[in-house]
Amino acid sequence: MNRLVTPQLCEVPMGQLKVAGGDEQLHAILGSCVGIGVIWKRGGRCGLAHCLLPEAPATLTTVGARYVSQAVPSLLLLMGVKEADYNDLEVVVAGGASMFQAESQFFQVGRRNGEAAQKYLAQRGLKVTCYDLGGTSGRQIFIDCGPRGFVITGFAGQHKEDIYGGH
């Protein structure tokens, strides 16, 4: 008997990260925060970090996602990804909106989060297949571990998606 499997939705709150597999779907709502999604095609796992700020004030050795600089190594560690697996990863980055109309560097955290994501992913030699950064409105990101795909939906109507093997 065939039965329809409904994905289990796992919310990823601000400053946190989650790793999932099977029929789980990771989700985050982003404004100036940046979501970094890692889809491990053959490893059968996915991860999503919901990063609040670009740089940790000091080198952190704890696992977490409050800072982009902390989130990238934390995701790889929790997923069990080794450097030899990097070519088998799909990395997506979303968010980083300018939620405040101000010139002050303090209020440009969205732009700085996006720049930090690009910097720390490049330092690891990870190739990003989709960037959806900037603008003035929020987004939501879904990482679907079943088909190993993603959907990014902007609150202003834009929409990006990819399902592994579909292209």
Protein backbone atom coordinates (compact mmCIF):
# COMPACT_ATOMS: atom_id res chain seq x y z
CA MET A 1 0.00 0.00 0.00
CA ASN A 2 1.38 3.42 -0.97
CA ARG A 3 1.06 6.17 1.55
CA LEU A 4 1.79 9.83 1.22
CA VAL A 5 4.58 10.96 3.54
CA THR A 6 4.22 14.47 4.89
CA PRO A 7 7.55 16.08 5.75
CA GLN A 8 8.13 16.83 9.42
CA LEU A 9 8.71 20.59 9.65
CA CYS A 10 11.53 21.63 12.00
CA GLU A 11 11.75 25.34 12.77
CA VAL A 12 15.26 26.75 13.11
CA PRO A 13 15.07 29.72 15.50
CA MET A 14 17.33 32.76 15.34
CA GLY A 15 20.90 32.01 16.40
CA GLN A 16 20.47 28.23 16.13
CA LEU A 17 21.20 25.43 13.68
CA LYS A 18 19.70 22.04 13.03
CA VAL A 19 20.74 18.96 11.10
CA ALA A 20 18.10 16.60 9.72
CA GLY A 21 17.52 13.72 7.34
CA GLY A 22 14.82 11.44 6.03
CA ASP A 23 11.49 13.16 5.55
CA GLU A 24 12.37 16.21 7.66
CA GLN A 25 12.16 19.76 6.37
CA LEU A 26 14.12 22.63 7.94
CA HIS A 27 12.60 26.12 7.94
CA ALA A 28 13.64 29.63 8.98
CA ILE A 29 12.14 33.08 8.56
CA LEU A 30 14.85 35.62 7.76
CA GLY A 31 15.08 39.40 7.77
CA SER A 32 18.57 40.79 8.26
CA CYS A 33 19.62 37.34 9.52
CA VAL A 34 21.27 34.96 7.06
CA GLY A 35 20.23 31.37 6.55
CA ILE A 36 22.97 28.99 5.42
CA GLY A 37 21.65 25.70 4.10
CA VAL A 38 23.84 22.69 3.37
CA ILE A 39 22.40 19.77 1.43
CA TRP A 40 24.56 16.65 1.39
CA LYS A 41 23.35 14.76 -1.66
CA ARG A 42 24.85 11.33 -1.03
CA GLY A 43 25.16 11.70 2.74
CA GLY A 44 21.38 12.00 3.10
CA ARG A 45 21.61 14.86 5.58
CA CYS A 46 20.79 18.53 5.47
CA GLY A 47 21.61 21.40 7.78
CA LEU A 48 20.36 24.94 8.27
CA ALA A 49 21.93 27.72 10.33
CA HIS A 50 19.95 30.87 11.19
CA CYS A 51 22.70 33.44 11.81
CA LEU A 52 22.02 36.67 13.67
CA LEU A 53 25.38 38.48 13.39
CA PRO A 54 28.41 38.28 11.07
CA GLU A 55 31.45 37.91 13.33
CA ALA A 56 31.96 36.49 16.80
CA PRO A 57 33.76 38.93 19.10
CA ALA A 58 36.46 36.30 19.74
CA THR A 59 37.26 32.90 18.29
CA LEU A 60 34.49 30.64 19.53
CA THR A 61 35.08 26.94 19.91
CA THR A 62 31.48 26.14 20.78
CA VAL A 63 28.98 24.77 18.29
CA GLY A 64 26.30 27.30 17.37
CA ALA A 65 24.89 29.71 14.84
CA ARG A 66 24.57 33.08 16.54
CA TYR A 67 27.45 34.26 14.33
CA VAL A 68 28.14 33.36 10.69
CA SER A 69 31.80 32.81 11.60
CA GLN A 70 30.67 30.16 14.12
CA ALA A 71 27.90 28.60 12.02
CA VAL A 72 29.87 27.42 8.98
CA PRO A 73 32.27 25.10 10.88
CA SER A 74 29.45 24.06 13.25
CA LEU A 75 27.21 22.90 10.39
CA LEU A 76 29.98 20.85 8.81
CA LEU A 77 30.93 19.29 12.15
CA LEU A 78 27.37 18.32 13.11
CA MET A 79 26.64 16.92 9.66
CA GLY A 80 29.84 14.85 9.73
CA VAL A 81 31.07 16.40 6.48
CA LYS A 82 34.77 16.04 5.66
CA GLU A 83 36.70 18.08 3.11
CA ALA A 84 36.59 15.10 0.72
CA ASP A 85 32.77 15.44 0.71
CA TYR A 86 32.70 19.13 -0.33
CA ASN A 87 32.00 18.37 -4.02
CA ASP A 88 28.89 16.48 -2.94
CA LEU A 89 27.38 19.48 -1.12
CA GLU A 90 24.86 22.00 -2.30
CA VAL A 91 25.10 25.22 -0.30
CA VAL A 92 22.41 27.91 -0.38
CA VAL A 93 22.44 31.29 1.34
CA ALA A 94 19.43 33.55 1.87
CA GLY A 95 18.45 36.62 3.86
CA GLY A 96 20.60 39.61 4.68
CA ALA A 97 17.89 42.16 3.97
CA SER A 98 18.27 45.80 4.94
CA MET A 99 15.39 46.07 7.37
CA PHE A 100 16.26 49.64 8.43
CA GLN A 101 16.59 52.64 6.12
CA ALA A 102 19.67 54.18 7.72
CA GLU A 103 23.20 55.01 6.62
CA SER A 104 24.85 53.94 9.89
CA GLN A 105 27.09 50.85 9.66
CA PHE A 106 25.33 49.58 12.80
CA PHE A 107 22.07 49.25 10.87
CA GLN A 108 23.68 47.47 7.89
CA VAL A 109 23.82 44.11 9.67
CA GLY A 110 21.99 42.35 6.82
CA ARG A 111 24.62 43.34 4.28
CA ARG A 112 27.42 42.44 6.70
CA ASN A 113 25.81 39.03 7.38
CA GLY A 114 25.70 38.29 3.65
CA GLU A 115 29.33 39.32 3.20
CA ALA A 116 30.38 37.16 6.15
CA ALA A 117 28.55 34.14 4.71
CA GLN A 118 30.37 34.56 1.40
CA LYS A 119 33.72 34.99 3.20
CA TYR A 120 33.49 31.98 5.54
CA LEU A 121 32.07 29.61 2.91
CA ALA A 122 34.83 30.64 0.46
CA GLN A 123 37.49 30.12 3.17
CA ARG A 124 36.34 26.51 3.47
CA GLY A 125 36.33 26.08 -0.31
CA LEU A 126 32.56 25.53 -0.41
CA LYS A 127 30.73 26.44 -3.61
CA VAL A 128 27.39 28.18 -3.16
CA THR A 129 24.79 27.15 -5.74
CA CYS A 130 22.27 29.83 -4.79
CA TYR A 131 22.57 33.25 -3.19
CA ASP A 132 19.36 35.14 -2.45
CA LEU A 133 20.65 38.10 -0.43
CA GLY A 134 19.88 41.74 0.17
CA GLY A 135 16.88 43.83 -0.70
CA THR A 136 14.52 45.36 1.83
CA SER A 137 12.10 42.52 2.58
CA GLY A 138 12.36 39.26 4.46
CA ARG A 139 12.42 35.72 3.14
CA GLN A 140 11.80 32.21 4.30
CA ILE A 141 13.93 29.24 3.46
CA PHE A 142 12.94 25.58 3.40
CA ILE A 143 15.53 22.80 3.13
CA ASP A 144 13.75 19.54 2.25
CA CYS A 145 15.86 16.54 3.22
CA GLY A 146 13.68 13.97 1.43
CA PRO A 147 14.25 15.08 -2.16
CA ARG A 148 17.33 17.05 -1.05
CA GLY A 149 16.11 20.38 -2.35
CA PHE A 150 15.31 23.87 -1.21
CA VAL A 151 12.81 26.66 -1.64
CA ILE A 152 13.40 30.32 -0.84
CA THR A 153 10.33 32.53 -0.84
CA GLY A 154 10.49 36.28 -0.49
CA PHE A 155 7.72 38.09 1.31
CA ALA A 156 7.56 40.46 -1.67
CA GLY A 157 6.64 37.57 -4.00
CA GLN A 158 9.98 36.33 -5.34
CA HIS A 159 10.53 32.54 -5.36
CA LYS A 160 13.58 30.29 -5.96
CA GLU A 161 13.75 26.53 -5.72
CA ASP A 162 15.77 23.52 -6.72
CA ILE A 163 15.18 19.84 -6.21
CA TYR A 164 18.28 17.64 -6.50
CA GLY A 165 18.28 15.71 -9.71
CA GLY A 166 15.62 17.93 -11.27
CA HIS A 167 18.07 19.95 -13.37
